[in-house]
Each structure stands twice: as C-alpha cells, then as structure tokens.
C-alpha cells in the first residue's frame, strides 16, 4: 500500500462499524449460558449416593426363630428402595420390600436423611416354612435416588450362616418325682452336648440346671418348684436349649399334688395405717407420695410388694452354685399366726381395697425374740427392705434362699457366712407389721415356696438327698 501524497489524509476501509456495547452484552450472555449449563449439569448429575447397608445376626446360626437387624443409610437424598430376601439352595423368600420418596434433586440443604433400621426375624413357623438344615443367606439390596439422566446407584450386602434345627437330646435319670403345688422337688437328667441351657420351665418361672457334682460331663440336676399359683402341671416341663433357640421339652413328673390355699380377710384401720405408712415412706425415699394415707397404704401393699419381689428374684440370680447346707432347715420355736400362700382380701370401712397373697409364715413368741438362721449360708441382704421392714436374706446355694422380715434389729451384714441356728437378729414390727413377729419365707430362684418341706428332714432325705446322693452329702440328724 502506497503512502498518500503529502498534505492529504489517508482513509482506510476496515469493514462495518460495530455498535458500542455489543461485545459486552455478548460476553454476559455467554457467561449466563455457561452458568446455566453448569447449574443444569449439577442438578442433572445429582443422583443419590450408593446406600450403606448393614446386616447383623446376633446368633451363630439360623435356628427355628432367628432375629436380625438391617440398617440402610444414604444421608444425601435417601434410599428409594429396599429389599431383604432369604436364599437357600435355589429358593428365595422376601422378608421385606419397601419403596420411598427421595429428597428432591434441587434441595441442596437440610438435615441428613435418617437411616432406616429394621428388626426382622427368620421364623420357620411363619415366614420361612421351607428352611432346612444346611446353609442360608440373608441378602439386602438397596437403591439410591436417580435423576432423569443418571440411574440411582445400588448396593447389595449379604450374610451366610449354617442352619441348625435339631434340638439337644434330653433324658431323665431320676425317678419318684412327686412335687406339690407351692412346693419343691429335684430331678437329675442328661443333656446333649449342644445344650447351652437346661432346667425346668414351670409357667413363667425358669429353674436352671447345674452340672451334678462328681457326675458325668453331660449329667445335670435342678432344684425346682411348682409355683403356688400354678395349678396345671402340664405347664411344668424339663427343657434343654441350644445357642440358636432349638428346644427339647419333655414331661417328667410322676405324680403331682394340687393344694388349695386358705382365704383370709384383713381389716385395715386408720390407726394401723397411721403407724406403718409414714415409717415405710420415711425409710424408702424412692416411694412417690400418692396424696392420702389410704392411697399410700394400697401402693405400698401392692406396688412396693411387687418391687420387693423383683429384687428378690435378682438376688437369686447371683446365688452360689454350691450347697452351703447339709442338714434340715431350722424352724424358730414360735406360734404360727399365718401360713404360706394365704389369699388375703384387705378391707377398709367395709370395702375391699386390695388383694394379695401372704407368701410365708408369720411366727411369734416373745417380744424381740432371737431369730435363728434356718441353715448355713451367706448373707446377701441385710437392710430396711420395703414391706418387710428390717430384713435379712440368706443364700443357701443353687438358688435356694431364706428371708426374715419385720426385725427390730439386724445382727449380721452382707457377705457374712452364717451357720444353722446362729442368731441373725430379733423379731419386731417394722414394715407392714401390726405386732412383733417374724415373717419367714423360703425361696427358690426368688419364688416363695412352702417352708414346711425344708423344715422336714424326712422330706429332704426322700425328695432331694436320695436323688443327689454324694453331691449333697445330707446329714439326717432326726
């Protein structure tokens, strides 16, 4: 290109002239488009995460009824589907199947979605009738949330365990098992090696079996009772259970004697309640005031009585697996005022206000008379104890114990070893007692039983010692 002549201005054609600001608008537009694409991509790709799945079976194998726990967690948007199946050799049973609505894809905030948790059971009687010996698998499948462009991620977790459905073997060794309603007995038996627990089930009460001292490896014995309020001996079974719930239960009683108990009526006066209720409440800080003397008395007679009974059961669970005693149980020389399992109706101003069973013997002689320990044993309770007032409980071993209530004084402490006929305290009128006396109870596994049998050396010899032999080493000194 030649330079223009001197004195003339050069003019060049550079194409059409652009409007001012158009480039800026285009740049902003591009940014908007890119931002929109980015946001769209975020929401388009915002599928849920793969759920975390947990399966926990608390038993080492599947038995006739096996509980297990399933947890599914996906805190981002939550799972949309869960399925739990039981698989075994080509068969499959669905134990759980659920679908959910996930958190919306555009919601970027909020609390994490709560984990799903399920308590389930493999039950041969209901949801798994075809379960058989071998192996079986619990499989859990869970799916996370999807978007229109991305499928939801999936997770599968499984647990495989053996299946055991054969109960332990169980065979009775002893004979002449003749319990009485409200009384005790003993049985010797043999169990299979898979048994982890055995004993006598009597209604709601379970009396555990123990290895027979100096017996064979599979030989067991159990002291048991027929509860005073259980009249149907068909509810009493010798049982053996394994670690996955298989159970063998057999009849073993040769003869059963039902026993009717006496009905009694107790008239409650304002004077009596005014004496005992404030004292018990003052000694029992945990007791809640019901607002009136009568209401407090009824609550003490019923609710506190129930709480005391529950504590006695708990104490029995720590009973030493040994025989502390070798002789019959000593009876305090006194007059009997109330017997075991008297059915009492409590009356106030001509109306029934409560019904309870008197589960022991009331024995009275002179005021503040010395109380003998019924037999050798270990003191496991020595304190103010609800309806019993000042009380002592002695463990005699293998779940057998004795209770002494309403004492004016306690002469032993927890942990003391006592001997038969040793003075452990003195009679009194503490707790729910109108006059000075001893409330005496024998218990097996925390269940009150009649003391008459344990006071009788011939009964112990025939019903207990002959079956256990050298394991007890009973000395019949009568």
Protein backbone atom coordinates (compact mmCIF):
# COMPACT_ATOMS: atom_id res chain seq x y z
CA UNK A 1 0.00 0.00 0.00
CA UNK A 2 1.38 3.38 -1.06
CA UNK A 3 1.59 6.30 1.29
CA UNK A 4 -0.83 9.19 0.48
CA UNK A 5 0.57 12.35 -1.14
CA UNK A 6 1.88 14.95 1.22
CA UNK A 7 -0.86 17.11 2.63
CA UNK A 8 -3.68 14.56 2.13
CA UNK A 9 -5.29 12.38 4.86
CA UNK A 10 -5.33 8.61 4.39
CA UNK A 11 -8.63 6.83 4.66
CA UNK A 12 -8.82 3.03 5.15
CA UNK A 13 -11.92 0.81 4.93
CA UNK A 14 -11.92 -1.51 7.90
CA UNK A 15 -15.38 -3.04 7.34
CA UNK A 16 -18.75 -2.26 9.00
CA UNK A 17 -18.58 -0.19 12.19
CA UNK A 18 -19.67 -2.09 15.40
CA UNK A 19 -22.25 -0.69 17.77
CA UNK A 20 -20.83 0.36 21.13
CA UNK A 21 -21.50 -2.18 23.95
CA UNK A 22 -22.44 -5.15 21.81
CA UNK A 23 -19.29 -7.10 22.76
CA UNK A 24 -20.02 -6.66 26.45
CA UNK A 25 -23.57 -7.97 26.04
CA UNK A 26 -22.32 -11.00 24.22
CA UNK A 27 -19.81 -11.71 26.96
CA UNK A 28 -22.50 -11.50 29.62
CA UNK A 29 -24.74 -13.75 27.57
CA UNK A 30 -22.01 -16.30 27.24
CA UNK A 31 -21.48 -16.28 30.97
CA UNK A 32 -25.20 -16.78 31.59
CA UNK A 33 -25.29 -19.67 29.17
CA UNK A 34 -22.24 -21.26 30.72
CA UNK A 35 -23.62 -20.74 34.23
CA UNK A 36 -26.94 -22.26 33.22
CA UNK A 37 -25.22 -25.23 31.69
CA UNK A 38 -23.14 -25.67 34.83
CA UNK A 39 -26.18 -25.50 37.15
CA UNK A 40 -28.09 -27.81 34.85
CA UNK A 41 -25.21 -30.23 34.85
CA UNK A 42 -25.07 -30.17 38.67
CA UNK A 43 -28.77 -30.92 39.06
CA UNK A 44 -28.80 -33.35 36.16
CA UNK A 45 -25.95 -35.32 37.65
CA UNK A 46 -27.20 -35.06 41.29
CA UNK A 47 -28.15 -38.69 41.76
CA UNK A 48 -28.05 -40.18 45.25
CA UNK A 49 -25.02 -41.95 46.65
CA UNK A 50 -24.80 -45.73 46.91
CA UNK A 51 -26.56 -46.64 50.21
CA UNK A 52 -24.54 -48.10 53.04
CA UNK A 53 -26.10 -51.40 54.13
CA UNK A 54 -25.57 -53.30 57.37
CA UNK A 55 -26.82 -56.78 58.35
CA UNK A 56 -26.34 -58.06 61.88
CA UNK A 57 -27.40 -61.52 63.06
CA UNK A 58 -26.95 -61.98 66.80
CA UNK A 59 -26.76 -65.79 66.65
CA UNK A 60 -24.02 -68.05 65.23
CA UNK A 61 -26.52 -69.89 63.01
CA UNK A 62 -30.11 -69.81 61.81
CA UNK A 63 -32.41 -71.66 64.17
CA UNK A 64 -36.19 -72.05 64.32
CA UNK A 65 -36.56 -68.34 65.09
CA UNK A 66 -33.63 -66.05 64.37
CA UNK A 67 -33.81 -62.26 64.85
CA UNK A 68 -31.56 -59.95 62.86
CA UNK A 69 -31.13 -56.23 62.22
CA UNK A 70 -30.88 -54.41 58.88
CA UNK A 71 -29.72 -50.79 58.54
CA UNK A 72 -29.69 -48.72 55.35
CA UNK A 73 -28.12 -45.25 55.25
CA UNK A 74 -27.87 -42.64 52.48
CA UNK A 75 -27.88 -39.14 54.02
CA UNK A 76 -27.68 -37.21 50.73
CA UNK A 77 -31.10 -37.95 49.22
CA UNK A 78 -32.09 -41.16 50.99
CA UNK A 79 -32.72 -44.65 49.56
CA UNK A 80 -35.66 -45.15 47.21
CA UNK A 81 -35.99 -48.94 47.56
CA UNK A 82 -35.01 -51.71 49.98
CA UNK A 83 -35.44 -55.45 49.65
CA UNK A 84 -34.46 -58.21 52.11
CA UNK A 85 -34.58 -61.84 50.97
CA UNK A 86 -33.69 -65.22 52.45
CA UNK A 87 -31.98 -67.56 49.99
CA UNK A 88 -31.30 -71.25 50.31
CA UNK A 89 -30.37 -73.68 47.51
CA UNK A 90 -32.38 -72.08 44.75
CA UNK A 91 -35.32 -70.96 46.92
CA UNK A 92 -35.94 -67.36 47.85
CA UNK A 93 -38.32 -65.76 50.36
CA UNK A 94 -38.84 -61.99 50.52
CA UNK A 95 -38.79 -60.86 54.13
CA UNK A 96 -39.09 -57.11 53.48
CA UNK A 97 -39.68 -54.87 50.47
CA UNK A 98 -40.24 -51.10 50.67
CA UNK A 99 -40.02 -48.06 48.42
CA UNK A 100 -39.53 -44.43 49.44
CA UNK A 101 -39.72 -40.91 48.06
CA UNK A 102 -36.23 -39.45 47.92
CA UNK A 103 -35.32 -35.88 48.82
CA UNK A 104 -35.91 -33.58 45.77
CA UNK A 105 -32.89 -33.21 43.48
CA UNK A 106 -32.95 -29.42 43.76
CA UNK A 107 -32.83 -29.36 47.58
CA UNK A 108 -29.21 -28.74 48.47
CA UNK A 109 -29.67 -28.14 52.19
CA UNK A 110 -31.41 -29.55 55.24
CA UNK A 111 -30.72 -32.24 57.80
CA UNK A 112 -29.27 -35.55 56.55
CA UNK A 113 -31.84 -38.18 55.69
CA UNK A 114 -32.27 -40.50 58.69
CA UNK A 115 -31.02 -44.07 58.40
CA UNK A 116 -33.61 -46.82 58.01
CA UNK A 117 -33.47 -49.59 60.61
CA UNK A 118 -35.44 -52.84 60.74
CA UNK A 119 -35.75 -55.59 63.36
CA UNK A 120 -36.62 -58.72 61.38
CA UNK A 121 -36.88 -62.44 62.05
CA UNK A 122 -36.32 -65.63 60.09
CA UNK A 123 -39.09 -67.80 61.53
CA UNK A 124 -39.61 -71.34 60.32
CA UNK A 125 -43.20 -71.34 61.57
CA UNK A 126 -44.26 -68.17 59.76
CA UNK A 127 -42.14 -66.61 57.01
CA UNK A 128 -39.64 -69.41 56.25
CA UNK A 129 -41.50 -72.75 56.38
CA UNK A 130 -39.10 -74.39 53.90
CA UNK A 131 -35.97 -73.58 55.91
CA UNK A 132 -33.88 -76.72 56.29
CA UNK A 133 -30.54 -77.86 57.66
CA UNK A 134 -27.59 -76.64 55.58
CA UNK A 135 -26.69 -73.03 54.82
CA UNK A 136 -28.85 -69.99 54.17
CA UNK A 137 -28.17 -66.39 53.14
CA UNK A 138 -29.81 -63.12 54.08
CA UNK A 139 -29.36 -60.69 51.17
CA UNK A 140 -30.14 -56.97 51.45
CA UNK A 141 -30.44 -54.80 48.33
CA UNK A 142 -30.85 -51.02 48.46
CA UNK A 143 -31.04 -48.39 45.72
CA UNK A 144 -30.20 -44.69 45.87
CA UNK A 145 -32.11 -41.86 44.17
CA UNK A 146 -31.83 -41.28 40.40
CA UNK A 147 -32.26 -38.25 38.10
CA UNK A 148 -33.68 -38.13 34.56
CA UNK A 149 -30.19 -38.60 33.21
CA UNK A 150 -28.43 -40.78 35.79
CA UNK A 151 -29.60 -44.09 37.28
CA UNK A 152 -29.62 -44.48 41.05
CA UNK A 153 -26.64 -46.42 42.46
CA UNK A 154 -27.29 -49.81 44.09
CA UNK A 155 -25.75 -51.72 46.99
CA UNK A 156 -26.06 -55.41 47.91
CA UNK A 157 -24.91 -56.92 51.22
CA UNK A 158 -25.34 -60.49 52.43
CA UNK A 159 -24.67 -62.79 55.38
CA UNK A 160 -24.42 -66.58 55.06
CA UNK A 161 -24.78 -68.83 58.11
CA UNK A 162 -25.37 -72.51 58.81
CA UNK A 163 -28.91 -73.67 59.60
CA UNK A 164 -29.42 -75.77 62.75
CA UNK A 165 -32.86 -77.15 63.53
CA UNK A 166 -32.17 -80.20 65.71
CA UNK A 167 -32.73 -79.65 69.47
CA UNK A 168 -30.39 -81.07 72.13
CA UNK A 169 -31.08 -84.55 73.43
CA UNK A 170 -32.62 -84.79 76.90
CA UNK A 171 -33.23 -87.80 79.17
CA UNK A 172 -34.42 -88.05 82.78
CA UNK A 173 -32.23 -90.14 85.11
CA UNK A 174 -34.05 -89.90 88.45
CA UNK A 175 -37.47 -91.22 89.42
CA UNK A 176 -40.15 -90.67 92.07
CA UNK A 177 -40.66 -87.02 91.24
CA UNK A 178 -43.65 -86.02 93.35
CA UNK A 179 -44.00 -82.22 93.65
CA UNK A 180 -46.80 -80.45 95.48
CA UNK A 181 -48.32 -77.16 94.38
CA UNK A 182 -46.26 -74.45 96.08
CA UNK A 183 -43.54 -76.97 96.93
CA UNK A 184 -40.15 -78.10 95.62
CA UNK A 185 -38.51 -81.19 94.13
CA UNK A 186 -35.31 -82.28 92.40
CA UNK A 187 -34.59 -84.05 89.13
CA UNK A 188 -31.38 -85.49 87.69
CA UNK A 189 -31.05 -85.74 83.90
CA UNK A 190 -28.64 -85.93 80.96
CA UNK A 191 -28.37 -83.43 78.10
CA UNK A 192 -26.75 -83.48 74.68
CA UNK A 193 -23.53 -81.60 74.04
CA UNK A 194 -25.24 -78.84 72.03
CA UNK A 195 -27.24 -77.67 75.07
CA UNK A 196 -26.19 -74.30 76.47
CA UNK A 197 -29.10 -74.03 78.92
CA UNK A 198 -31.30 -76.57 80.64
CA UNK A 199 -33.62 -76.80 83.60
CA UNK A 200 -37.29 -76.77 84.50
CA UNK A 201 -39.79 -74.35 82.99
CA UNK A 202 -42.85 -74.01 85.23
CA UNK A 203 -45.23 -71.50 83.72
CA UNK A 204 -43.34 -68.19 83.69
CA UNK A 205 -40.66 -69.40 86.09
CA UNK A 206 -37.40 -70.99 84.98
CA UNK A 207 -35.22 -73.02 87.34
CA UNK A 208 -31.73 -73.52 85.87
CA UNK A 209 -29.97 -76.84 85.91
CA UNK A 210 -26.37 -77.26 87.10
CA UNK A 211 -23.65 -79.83 86.47
CA UNK A 212 -24.08 -82.62 89.00
CA UNK A 213 -21.07 -82.51 91.36
CA UNK A 214 -18.92 -85.58 90.76
CA UNK A 215 -21.31 -86.61 87.96
CA UNK A 216 -20.64 -87.30 84.28
CA UNK A 217 -19.93 -84.46 81.85
CA UNK A 218 -23.48 -84.42 80.49
CA UNK A 219 -25.20 -85.04 83.83
CA UNK A 220 -27.24 -82.22 85.37
CA UNK A 221 -29.57 -81.64 88.30
CA UNK A 222 -32.10 -78.96 89.14
CA UNK A 223 -34.00 -77.91 92.22
CA UNK A 224 -37.38 -76.72 91.01
CA UNK A 225 -40.77 -75.68 92.32
CA UNK A 226 -44.35 -75.73 91.12
CA UNK A 227 -45.49 -72.12 91.74
CA UNK A 228 -48.22 -71.76 94.36
CA UNK A 229 -50.48 -70.06 91.78
CA UNK A 230 -49.90 -72.64 89.03
CA UNK A 231 -52.47 -75.43 89.16
CA UNK A 232 -51.80 -77.09 85.79
CA UNK A 233 -48.86 -79.46 85.97
CA UNK A 234 -48.84 -79.68 82.16
CA UNK A 235 -47.10 -76.29 82.25
CA UNK A 236 -44.12 -77.85 84.02
CA UNK A 237 -41.51 -79.22 81.60
CA UNK A 238 -37.88 -80.29 81.67
CA UNK A 239 -36.19 -78.35 78.87
CA UNK A 240 -32.86 -78.10 77.08
CA UNK A 241 -31.96 -75.31 74.65
CA UNK A 242 -29.06 -74.71 72.29
CA UNK A 243 -27.47 -71.39 71.31
CA UNK A 244 -29.83 -70.76 68.37
CA UNK A 245 -33.13 -71.45 70.10
CA UNK A 246 -33.76 -75.12 69.39
CA UNK A 247 -35.56 -76.56 72.40
CA UNK A 248 -36.39 -80.02 73.67
CA UNK A 249 -39.18 -80.11 76.27
CA UNK A 250 -40.40 -83.28 77.99
CA UNK A 251 -42.83 -84.28 80.74
CA UNK A 252 -41.03 -85.75 83.74
CA UNK A 253 -43.30 -85.51 86.80
CA UNK A 254 -44.52 -88.86 88.14
CA UNK A 255 -47.19 -87.53 90.48
CA UNK A 256 -48.49 -84.06 91.26
CA UNK A 257 -50.48 -82.95 94.32
CA UNK A 258 -52.58 -79.79 93.90
CA UNK A 259 -53.07 -77.77 97.05
CA UNK A 260 -55.88 -75.30 97.76
CA UNK A 261 -54.86 -72.31 99.84
CA UNK A 262 -56.78 -70.60 102.60
CA UNK A 263 -58.78 -67.43 102.04
CA UNK A 264 -58.31 -64.74 104.64
CA UNK A 265 -59.61 -61.23 105.35
CA UNK A 266 -57.52 -58.42 106.81
CA UNK A 267 -59.28 -55.34 108.21
CA UNK A 268 -57.20 -52.22 107.78
CA UNK A 269 -57.73 -49.32 110.19
CA UNK A 270 -56.68 -45.67 110.12
CA UNK A 271 -54.68 -46.29 113.28
CA UNK A 272 -52.70 -49.14 111.69
CA UNK A 273 -52.05 -47.18 108.50
CA UNK A 274 -51.06 -44.13 110.55
CA UNK A 275 -48.40 -46.19 112.31
CA UNK A 276 -46.84 -48.14 109.42
CA UNK A 277 -47.22 -45.91 106.34
CA UNK A 278 -45.18 -42.86 107.49
CA UNK A 279 -42.37 -45.10 108.76
CA UNK A 280 -42.12 -47.04 105.49
CA UNK A 281 -42.24 -43.86 103.42
CA UNK A 282 -39.55 -42.29 105.59
CA UNK A 283 -37.29 -45.31 105.07
CA UNK A 284 -37.98 -45.53 101.32
CA UNK A 285 -37.02 -42.22 99.63
CA UNK A 286 -37.84 -43.57 96.17
CA UNK A 287 -41.51 -44.06 97.07
CA UNK A 288 -43.83 -41.48 95.47
CA UNK A 289 -46.41 -39.92 97.77
CA UNK A 290 -49.92 -40.77 96.48
CA UNK A 291 -51.55 -37.91 98.37
CA UNK A 292 -53.56 -39.74 101.04
CA UNK A 293 -52.93 -42.23 103.79
CA UNK A 294 -55.17 -44.86 102.20
CA UNK A 295 -53.71 -44.45 98.71
CA UNK A 296 -50.19 -44.65 100.11
CA UNK A 297 -51.05 -47.82 102.01
CA UNK A 298 -52.53 -49.53 98.94
CA UNK A 299 -49.49 -48.52 96.84
CA UNK A 300 -47.13 -49.91 99.49
CA UNK A 301 -49.12 -53.13 99.82
CA UNK A 302 -49.23 -53.72 96.06
CA UNK A 303 -46.59 -51.79 94.10
CA UNK A 304 -43.84 -51.83 96.74
CA UNK A 305 -44.59 -55.52 97.38
CA UNK A 306 -44.08 -56.18 93.66
CA UNK A 307 -40.80 -54.19 93.63
CA UNK A 308 -39.53 -56.14 96.64
CA UNK A 309 -40.39 -59.42 94.90
CA UNK A 310 -38.48 -58.36 91.78
CA UNK A 311 -35.41 -57.55 93.87
CA UNK A 312 -35.53 -60.99 95.47
CA UNK A 313 -35.52 -62.57 92.02
CA UNK A 314 -32.47 -60.50 91.06
CA UNK A 315 -30.67 -61.55 94.24
CA UNK A 316 -31.35 -65.21 93.44
CA UNK A 317 -29.59 -64.89 90.09
CA UNK A 318 -26.31 -64.38 91.92
CA UNK A 319 -26.81 -67.47 94.11
CA UNK A 320 -23.64 -69.51 94.54
CA UNK A 321 -23.58 -72.86 92.67
CA UNK A 322 -22.78 -74.84 95.80
CA UNK A 323 -24.56 -76.49 98.70
CA UNK A 324 -23.83 -74.48 101.84
CA UNK A 325 -26.09 -76.76 103.90
CA UNK A 326 -26.05 -80.44 104.87
CA UNK A 327 -28.86 -80.64 107.45
CA UNK A 328 -32.57 -79.85 107.54
CA UNK A 329 -33.66 -76.23 108.00
CA UNK A 330 -34.20 -74.91 111.50
CA UNK A 331 -37.62 -73.57 112.47
CA UNK A 332 -37.93 -70.82 115.02
CA UNK A 333 -39.82 -72.11 118.05
CA UNK A 334 -42.92 -69.92 117.95
CA UNK A 335 -46.64 -69.91 117.38
CA UNK A 336 -47.81 -69.82 113.76
CA UNK A 337 -50.20 -66.94 113.05
CA UNK A 338 -50.29 -67.00 109.23
CA UNK A 339 -49.35 -69.72 106.76
CA UNK A 340 -47.89 -69.88 103.29
CA UNK A 341 -49.96 -68.57 100.35
CA UNK A 342 -52.95 -67.39 102.35
CA UNK A 343 -55.13 -65.46 99.90
CA UNK A 344 -55.81 -62.17 101.65
CA UNK A 345 -58.50 -59.61 100.93
CA UNK A 346 -57.79 -56.25 102.55
CA UNK A 347 -60.87 -54.40 103.81
CA UNK A 348 -61.27 -50.75 104.79
CA UNK A 349 -64.57 -49.46 106.19
CA UNK A 350 -66.37 -52.49 104.79
CA UNK A 351 -64.92 -52.24 101.26
CA UNK A 352 -62.24 -54.37 99.59
CA UNK A 353 -59.23 -52.18 98.77
CA UNK A 354 -56.65 -54.78 97.74
CA UNK A 355 -55.91 -58.49 97.31
CA UNK A 356 -52.51 -60.06 97.92
CA UNK A 357 -51.01 -63.45 98.73
CA UNK A 358 -49.12 -63.90 102.00
CA UNK A 359 -46.05 -65.81 100.89
CA UNK A 360 -44.50 -67.02 104.10
CA UNK A 361 -45.11 -67.98 107.73
CA UNK A 362 -45.74 -65.44 110.49
CA UNK A 363 -44.13 -66.74 113.70
CA UNK A 364 -44.47 -65.02 117.08
CA UNK A 365 -43.21 -65.87 120.57
CA UNK A 366 -41.88 -63.18 122.88
CA UNK A 367 -41.14 -59.56 122.01
CA UNK A 368 -37.74 -59.10 120.36
CA UNK A 369 -37.10 -62.83 120.37
CA UNK A 370 -33.80 -64.05 118.86
CA UNK A 371 -34.11 -65.30 115.27
CA UNK A 372 -32.08 -68.35 114.20
CA UNK A 373 -30.62 -68.69 110.71
CA UNK A 374 -32.55 -71.52 109.08
CA UNK A 375 -29.36 -73.10 107.76
CA UNK A 376 -25.77 -72.47 106.75
CA UNK A 377 -25.36 -69.83 104.08
CA UNK A 378 -24.21 -66.40 103.01
CA UNK A 379 -25.99 -63.14 103.88
CA UNK A 380 -26.94 -61.34 100.65
CA UNK A 381 -29.32 -58.71 102.09
CA UNK A 382 -29.38 -57.00 105.49
CA UNK A 383 -31.25 -53.69 105.40
CA UNK A 384 -34.59 -51.94 105.60
CA UNK A 385 -36.49 -53.62 102.78
CA UNK A 386 -39.90 -52.18 101.92
CA UNK A 387 -42.90 -54.10 103.22
CA UNK A 388 -40.59 -56.42 105.20
CA UNK A 389 -39.04 -53.60 107.23
CA UNK A 390 -35.66 -54.61 108.64
CA UNK A 391 -34.87 -57.82 106.78
CA UNK A 392 -32.20 -60.43 106.15
CA UNK A 393 -31.85 -62.76 103.17
CA UNK A 394 -29.51 -65.77 103.31
CA UNK A 395 -28.33 -67.60 100.19
CA UNK A 396 -28.09 -71.36 100.77
CA UNK A 397 -26.76 -72.13 97.30
CA UNK A 398 -28.12 -73.28 93.95
CA UNK A 399 -30.90 -70.65 94.04
CA UNK A 400 -32.31 -71.63 97.45
CA UNK A 401 -32.63 -68.79 99.98
CA UNK A 402 -34.48 -67.75 103.13
CA UNK A 403 -35.95 -64.37 104.11
CA UNK A 404 -36.51 -62.96 107.60
CA UNK A 405 -38.73 -59.88 107.87
CA UNK A 406 -40.04 -57.27 110.36
CA UNK A 407 -36.91 -57.45 112.52
CA UNK A 408 -36.36 -55.00 115.35
CA UNK A 409 -32.61 -55.37 114.94
CA UNK A 410 -30.19 -56.96 112.46
CA UNK A 411 -27.09 -58.70 113.83
CA UNK A 412 -25.39 -59.64 110.51
CA UNK A 413 -24.19 -57.83 107.41
CA UNK A 414 -23.99 -58.61 103.70
CA UNK A 415 -21.19 -61.07 102.98
CA UNK A 416 -21.26 -62.76 106.38
CA UNK A 417 -21.19 -66.54 106.43
CA UNK A 418 -23.72 -67.82 108.97
CA UNK A 419 -24.35 -71.24 110.44
CA UNK A 420 -27.57 -73.08 111.19
CA UNK A 421 -29.33 -71.72 114.33
CA UNK A 422 -26.98 -68.72 114.62
CA UNK A 423 -28.83 -65.60 115.82
CA UNK A 424 -29.11 -63.13 112.93
CA UNK A 425 -31.44 -60.58 114.54
CA UNK A 426 -34.52 -60.15 116.70
CA UNK A 427 -38.23 -60.09 115.99
CA UNK A 428 -40.02 -56.77 115.65
CA UNK A 429 -42.83 -54.87 113.96
CA UNK A 430 -41.05 -52.97 111.19
CA UNK A 431 -42.52 -52.71 107.69
CA UNK A 432 -46.13 -53.83 107.19
CA UNK A 433 -46.44 -55.49 110.59
CA UNK A 434 -49.06 -54.81 113.23
CA UNK A 435 -47.36 -56.68 116.07
CA UNK A 436 -43.98 -58.16 116.99
CA UNK A 437 -43.29 -61.31 114.96
CA UNK A 438 -41.06 -62.91 112.34
CA UNK A 439 -42.14 -63.23 108.70
CA UNK A 440 -40.21 -66.24 107.36
CA UNK A 441 -40.07 -67.24 103.70
CA UNK A 442 -38.18 -69.90 101.78
CA UNK A 443 -37.48 -69.08 98.13
CA UNK A 444 -36.21 -70.93 95.08
CA UNK A 445 -34.95 -68.75 92.22
CA UNK A 446 -36.73 -65.91 94.02
CA UNK A 447 -40.08 -67.72 94.02
CA UNK A 448 -41.59 -68.12 97.50
CA UNK A 449 -42.20 -71.80 98.35
CA UNK A 450 -43.64 -73.51 101.40
CA UNK A 451 -41.11 -73.81 104.24
CA UNK A 452 -42.84 -76.92 105.62
CA UNK A 453 -40.85 -79.19 103.30
CA UNK A 454 -37.47 -77.67 104.16
CA UNK A 455 -38.20 -77.94 107.90
CA UNK A 456 -38.81 -81.68 107.39
CA UNK A 457 -35.66 -83.84 107.40
CA UNK A 458 -37.57 -86.85 106.04
CA UNK A 459 -38.84 -84.85 103.07
CA UNK A 460 -35.32 -83.61 102.28
CA UNK A 461 -33.99 -87.16 102.50
CA UNK A 462 -36.69 -88.66 100.25
CA UNK A 463 -37.22 -85.88 97.73
CA UNK A 464 -33.73 -84.34 97.43
CA UNK A 465 -30.94 -86.37 99.02
CA UNK A 466 -31.83 -89.75 97.51
CA UNK A 467 -31.65 -88.22 94.01
CA UNK A 468 -28.45 -86.21 94.53
CA UNK A 469 -26.55 -88.68 96.74
CA UNK A 470 -22.97 -87.63 97.50
CA UNK A 471 -23.46 -84.37 95.58
CA UNK A 472 -25.43 -83.06 98.60
CA UNK A 473 -23.99 -85.16 101.39
CA UNK A 474 -27.09 -84.70 103.50
CA UNK A 475 -26.85 -85.48 107.21
CA UNK A 476 -30.17 -86.75 108.60
CA UNK A 477 -29.91 -85.86 112.27
CA UNK A 478 -33.54 -86.52 113.22
